[in-house]
Amino acid sequence: MLLSACQSPPTDADVTVVFTDDGCTYKGPDGAVENPVTFTYTTNTDGEEFGIGIVTLKEGYGRSDLEAYQGFGTPGFVDHFVALLYNSPGQTTTTEVTLDAGKEHFIVCGRDGGPVASVLAVLTPK
């Protein structure tokens, strides 16, 4: 009998995002989370480049401001850009992200160089 040990990719992600030609699908929490948060994201596109940004906003701004934003680049009301997660078509990547204590973190889907496609969730570390 032959015994071998192999390591498989982590499957215990807190958040799973799949990028498609139509945008992003999100599976995970919306609200309070333990810190850090593990994101697994897969690109299933025909060349469209999508990614997710994890941002905090300046005082007085919220989800509706991000959803209404149609400009290019980072909106002026973003306080802190915590992370940008993206990869190449056909790839799956797992990344651990530490969120800023006591702040709401907006998980935003967008096209490379384009406006916000959607706000997937708002996470707040416990």
C-alpha atoms as a PDB file:
ATOM      1  CA  MET A   1       0.000   0.000   0.000  1.00  0.00           C
ATOM      2  CA  LEU A   2       1.324   3.413  -0.942  1.00  0.00           C
ATOM      3  CA  LEU A   3       0.567   6.331   1.351  1.00  0.00           C
ATOM      4  CA  SER A   4       1.067   9.902   0.306  1.00  0.00           C
ATOM      5  CA  ALA A   5       0.229  13.292   1.705  1.00  0.00           C
ATOM      6  CA  CYS A   6      -0.949  16.069  -0.522  1.00  0.00           C
ATOM      7  CA  GLN A   7      -2.181  19.468   0.332  1.00  0.00           C
ATOM      8  CA  SER A   8      -5.349  20.677  -1.333  1.00  0.00           C
ATOM      9  CA  PRO A   9      -6.263  24.324  -1.736  1.00  0.00           C
ATOM     10  CA  PRO A  10      -8.091  25.891   1.218  1.00  0.00           C
ATOM     11  CA  THR A  11     -11.845  25.481   1.054  1.00  0.00           C
ATOM     12  CA  ASP A  12     -12.790  27.231   4.264  1.00  0.00           C
ATOM     13  CA  ALA A  13     -13.081  30.729   2.843  1.00  0.00           C
ATOM     14  CA  ASP A  14     -15.321  33.191   4.656  1.00  0.00           C
ATOM     15  CA  VAL A  15     -16.198  34.836   1.326  1.00  0.00           C
ATOM     16  CA  THR A  16     -16.345  33.365  -2.186  1.00  0.00           C
ATOM     17  CA  VAL A  17     -16.546  35.621  -5.249  1.00  0.00           C
ATOM     18  CA  VAL A  18     -16.798  34.500  -8.870  1.00  0.00           C
ATOM     19  CA  PHE A  19     -16.118  36.999 -11.662  1.00  0.00           C
ATOM     20  CA  THR A  20     -18.131  36.386 -14.841  1.00  0.00           C
ATOM     21  CA  ASP A  21     -18.621  38.456 -17.996  1.00  0.00           C
ATOM     22  CA  ASP A  22     -21.791  39.833 -16.364  1.00  0.00           C
ATOM     23  CA  GLY A  23     -20.176  40.915 -13.072  1.00  0.00           C
ATOM     24  CA  CYS A  24     -19.578  39.277  -9.711  1.00  0.00           C
ATOM     25  CA  THR A  25     -21.409  36.676  -7.672  1.00  0.00           C
ATOM     26  CA  TYR A  26     -20.926  36.786  -3.909  1.00  0.00           C
ATOM     27  CA  LYS A  27     -21.353  34.095  -1.282  1.00  0.00           C
ATOM     28  CA  GLY A  28     -20.604  35.131   2.259  1.00  0.00           C
ATOM     29  CA  PRO A  29     -21.647  37.294   5.176  1.00  0.00           C
ATOM     30  CA  ASP A  30     -23.142  40.776   5.108  1.00  0.00           C
ATOM     31  CA  GLY A  31     -22.603  42.348   8.530  1.00  0.00           C
ATOM     32  CA  ALA A  32     -20.417  41.408  11.494  1.00  0.00           C
ATOM     33  CA  VAL A  33     -17.422  39.127  10.804  1.00  0.00           C
ATOM     34  CA  GLU A  34     -14.396  37.760  12.597  1.00  0.00           C
ATOM     35  CA  ASN A  35     -11.086  39.352  11.619  1.00  0.00           C
ATOM     36  CA  PRO A  36      -9.192  38.544   9.391  1.00  0.00           C
ATOM     37  CA  VAL A  37     -11.512  37.513   6.530  1.00  0.00           C
ATOM     38  CA  THR A  38     -10.483  34.875   3.988  1.00  0.00           C
ATOM     39  CA  PHE A  39     -11.553  35.615   0.395  1.00  0.00           C
ATOM     40  CA  THR A  40     -11.494  33.032  -2.393  1.00  0.00           C
ATOM     41  CA  TYR A  41     -12.100  34.477  -5.853  1.00  0.00           C
ATOM     42  CA  THR A  42     -12.268  32.881  -9.284  1.00  0.00           C
ATOM     43  CA  THR A  43     -12.229  34.533 -12.701  1.00  0.00           C
ATOM     44  CA  ASN A  44     -14.563  32.833 -15.204  1.00  0.00           C
ATOM     45  CA  THR A  45     -14.556  35.450 -17.958  1.00  0.00           C
ATOM     46  CA  ASP A  46     -13.757  35.600 -21.656  1.00  0.00           C
ATOM     47  CA  GLY A  47     -11.225  38.373 -21.106  1.00  0.00           C
ATOM     48  CA  GLU A  48     -13.384  40.873 -19.151  1.00  0.00           C
ATOM     49  CA  GLU A  49     -11.375  41.948 -16.153  1.00  0.00           C
ATOM     50  CA  PHE A  50     -13.317  42.308 -12.926  1.00  0.00           C
ATOM     51  CA  GLY A  51     -12.076  42.687  -9.384  1.00  0.00           C
ATOM     52  CA  ILE A  52     -13.306  43.522  -5.932  1.00  0.00           C
ATOM     53  CA  GLY A  53     -12.238  46.492  -3.900  1.00  0.00           C
ATOM     54  CA  ILE A  54     -12.503  46.545  -0.134  1.00  0.00           C
ATOM     55  CA  VAL A  55     -12.918  50.136   1.041  1.00  0.00           C
ATOM     56  CA  THR A  56     -13.964  52.238   4.007  1.00  0.00           C
ATOM     57  CA  LEU A  57     -15.813  55.513   3.436  1.00  0.00           C
ATOM     58  CA  LYS A  58     -15.495  58.989   4.877  1.00  0.00           C
ATOM     59  CA  GLU A  59     -17.980  60.034   7.575  1.00  0.00           C
ATOM     60  CA  GLY A  60     -21.456  60.720   6.188  1.00  0.00           C
ATOM     61  CA  TYR A  61     -21.193  58.387   3.164  1.00  0.00           C
ATOM     62  CA  GLY A  62     -22.731  54.938   2.732  1.00  0.00           C
ATOM     63  CA  ARG A  63     -23.738  52.108   0.464  1.00  0.00           C
ATOM     64  CA  SER A  64     -26.121  54.232  -1.621  1.00  0.00           C
ATOM     65  CA  ASP A  65     -23.289  56.664  -2.462  1.00  0.00           C
ATOM     66  CA  LEU A  66     -21.141  53.833  -3.812  1.00  0.00           C
ATOM     67  CA  GLU A  67     -24.048  52.335  -5.762  1.00  0.00           C
ATOM     68  CA  ALA A  68     -24.827  55.714  -7.339  1.00  0.00           C
ATOM     69  CA  TYR A  69     -21.195  56.473  -8.281  1.00  0.00           C
ATOM     70  CA  GLN A  70     -20.684  56.280 -12.049  1.00  0.00           C
ATOM     71  CA  GLY A  71     -17.269  57.911 -12.358  1.00  0.00           C
ATOM     72  CA  PHE A  72     -14.001  56.195 -13.142  1.00  0.00           C
ATOM     73  CA  GLY A  73     -11.342  55.556 -10.546  1.00  0.00           C
ATOM     74  CA  THR A  74     -11.703  55.782  -6.798  1.00  0.00           C
ATOM     75  CA  PRO A  75     -14.489  58.094  -5.550  1.00  0.00           C
ATOM     76  CA  GLY A  76     -13.352  61.068  -3.447  1.00  0.00           C
ATOM     77  CA  PHE A  77     -15.466  59.866  -0.530  1.00  0.00           C
ATOM     78  CA  VAL A  78     -13.408  56.668  -0.088  1.00  0.00           C
ATOM     79  CA  ASP A  79     -11.469  56.999   3.165  1.00  0.00           C
ATOM     80  CA  HIS A  80      -9.206  53.935   2.934  1.00  0.00           C
ATOM     81  CA  PHE A  81      -8.567  51.407   0.176  1.00  0.00           C
ATOM     82  CA  VAL A  82      -7.992  48.235   2.235  1.00  0.00           C
ATOM     83  CA  ALA A  83      -7.434  45.761  -0.632  1.00  0.00           C
ATOM     84  CA  LEU A  84      -7.933  45.104  -4.339  1.00  0.00           C
ATOM     85  CA  LEU A  85      -8.499  41.460  -5.275  1.00  0.00           C
ATOM     86  CA  TYR A  86      -8.301  40.225  -8.861  1.00  0.00           C
ATOM     87  CA  ASN A  87      -6.638  37.498 -10.904  1.00  0.00           C
ATOM     88  CA  SER A  88      -6.375  36.228 -14.476  1.00  0.00           C
ATOM     89  CA  PRO A  89      -9.083  34.268 -16.336  1.00  0.00           C
ATOM     90  CA  GLY A  90      -9.189  30.637 -15.232  1.00  0.00           C
ATOM     91  CA  GLN A  91      -7.495  31.297 -11.892  1.00  0.00           C
ATOM     92  CA  THR A  92      -8.709  30.859  -8.322  1.00  0.00           C
ATOM     93  CA  THR A  93      -6.904  32.729  -5.556  1.00  0.00           C
ATOM     94  CA  THR A  94      -7.310  32.764  -1.784  1.00  0.00           C
ATOM     95  CA  THR A  95      -6.291  35.867   0.173  1.00  0.00           C
ATOM     96  CA  GLU A  96      -6.624  36.740   3.847  1.00  0.00           C
ATOM     97  CA  VAL A  97      -7.559  40.389   4.493  1.00  0.00           C
ATOM     98  CA  THR A  98      -7.388  42.140   7.856  1.00  0.00           C
ATOM     99  CA  LEU A  99     -10.161  44.722   8.174  1.00  0.00           C
ATOM    100  CA  ASP A 100      -9.841  48.020  10.077  1.00  0.00           C
ATOM    101  CA  ALA A 101     -11.301  47.642  13.568  1.00  0.00           C
ATOM    102  CA  GLY A 102     -14.608  49.406  14.187  1.00  0.00           C
ATOM    103  CA  LYS A 103     -15.252  50.382  10.549  1.00  0.00           C
ATOM    104  CA  GLU A 104     -17.700  49.288   7.884  1.00  0.00           C
ATOM    105  CA  HIS A 105     -15.922  47.735   4.894  1.00  0.00           C
ATOM    106  CA  PHE A 106     -17.680  47.895   1.547  1.00  0.00           C
ATOM    107  CA  ILE A 107     -17.017  44.968  -0.799  1.00  0.00           C
ATOM    108  CA  VAL A 108     -17.317  46.495  -4.270  1.00  0.00           C
ATOM    109  CA  CYS A 109     -17.348  44.698  -7.637  1.00  0.00           C
ATOM    110  CA  GLY A 110     -16.085  46.592 -10.664  1.00  0.00           C
ATOM    111  CA  ARG A 111     -14.614  46.316 -14.143  1.00  0.00           C
ATOM    112  CA  ASP A 112     -10.967  47.156 -14.585  1.00  0.00           C
ATOM    113  CA  GLY A 113     -10.904  50.926 -15.076  1.00  0.00           C
ATOM    114  CA  GLY A 114     -14.701  51.184 -15.013  1.00  0.00           C
ATOM    115  CA  PRO A 115     -17.342  52.384 -12.572  1.00  0.00           C
ATOM    116  CA  VAL A 116     -18.692  50.376  -9.632  1.00  0.00           C
ATOM    117  CA  ALA A 117     -20.766  47.437 -10.903  1.00  0.00           C
ATOM    118  CA  SER A 118     -22.269  46.564  -7.514  1.00  0.00           C
ATOM    119  CA  VAL A 119     -21.780  46.650  -3.773  1.00  0.00           C
ATOM    120  CA  LEU A 120     -21.674  42.993  -2.775  1.00  0.00           C
ATOM    121  CA  ALA A 121     -21.688  43.335   1.015  1.00  0.00           C
ATOM    122  CA  VAL A 122     -20.785  45.525   3.974  1.00  0.00           C
ATOM    123  CA  LEU A 123     -18.548  43.797   6.525  1.00  0.00           C
ATOM    124  CA  THR A 124     -17.731  45.065  10.011  1.00  0.00           C
ATOM    125  CA  PRO A 125     -15.131  43.237  12.118  1.00  0.00           C
ATOM    126  CA  LYS A 126     -16.357  42.163  15.576  1.00  0.00           C
END
